[in-house]
């Protein structure tokens, strides 16, 4: 069973999400929250596998709630994967959530099948729900969202790890990367896991953000898969 926490400040939307998830096989709704503060409390109390997180809420936003939930994960198991719900795909709030460690995002007008598929994908470790859309968001906002902090030191990575990170940022799946580099998918996963460990990253989406912000991949670079 995939344990899901639903967070949305609008009651009708939250109730609709809960009803849909409860009717789906293999999913257990372990809690609901109407704001970011309650989301942090519920995540600590219920230990969900996936958090459906509304991004724009009064008080503590979905961005801050994402940061706190991931920071307060007890380490006894994998931290919850956070799937951000948004109305607009090119949303700086969503970008900030991905930067903070959210695993991906989904538009609120996505249909029931898309939502259930997204929850299953996130629970299974696929952190880019819509690679082309996520890349478009990051390409649009990375140049204007860079901070004064120095970019991550990529010199800690091997040449192969840098190449895998570049290809991930270009939207390739593990299978595509394996084919491109003539290595196995297991080896791709090993390189990615080592990269994320060295750079202290929590999700694949966070790795994509870092690749753009560090200049490893340039926005608008030709040849990116769409």
Foldseek 3Di string as FASTA:
>chain_A
DFEEEEEAQDPVLSVVVQVLQVPDPPYDHQYYYNALVVLLVSCVVRVGQEYEAEADDPDDGSQNSLLNQCVPPPPPDAGHAYEYEAQDLLDVSVVSSLLSAHLEYDYSPDDSVLVVVQSVCVSVANSYSDLVSLLVNLLVCLVVPQDPDAAFDCVVADPVLLVLLLLLLLRDDLVRVCVVVVHDSVVSVVSPVVVCVVRVHNYSSSSNNSCDNNPVDHRPDPDRDD
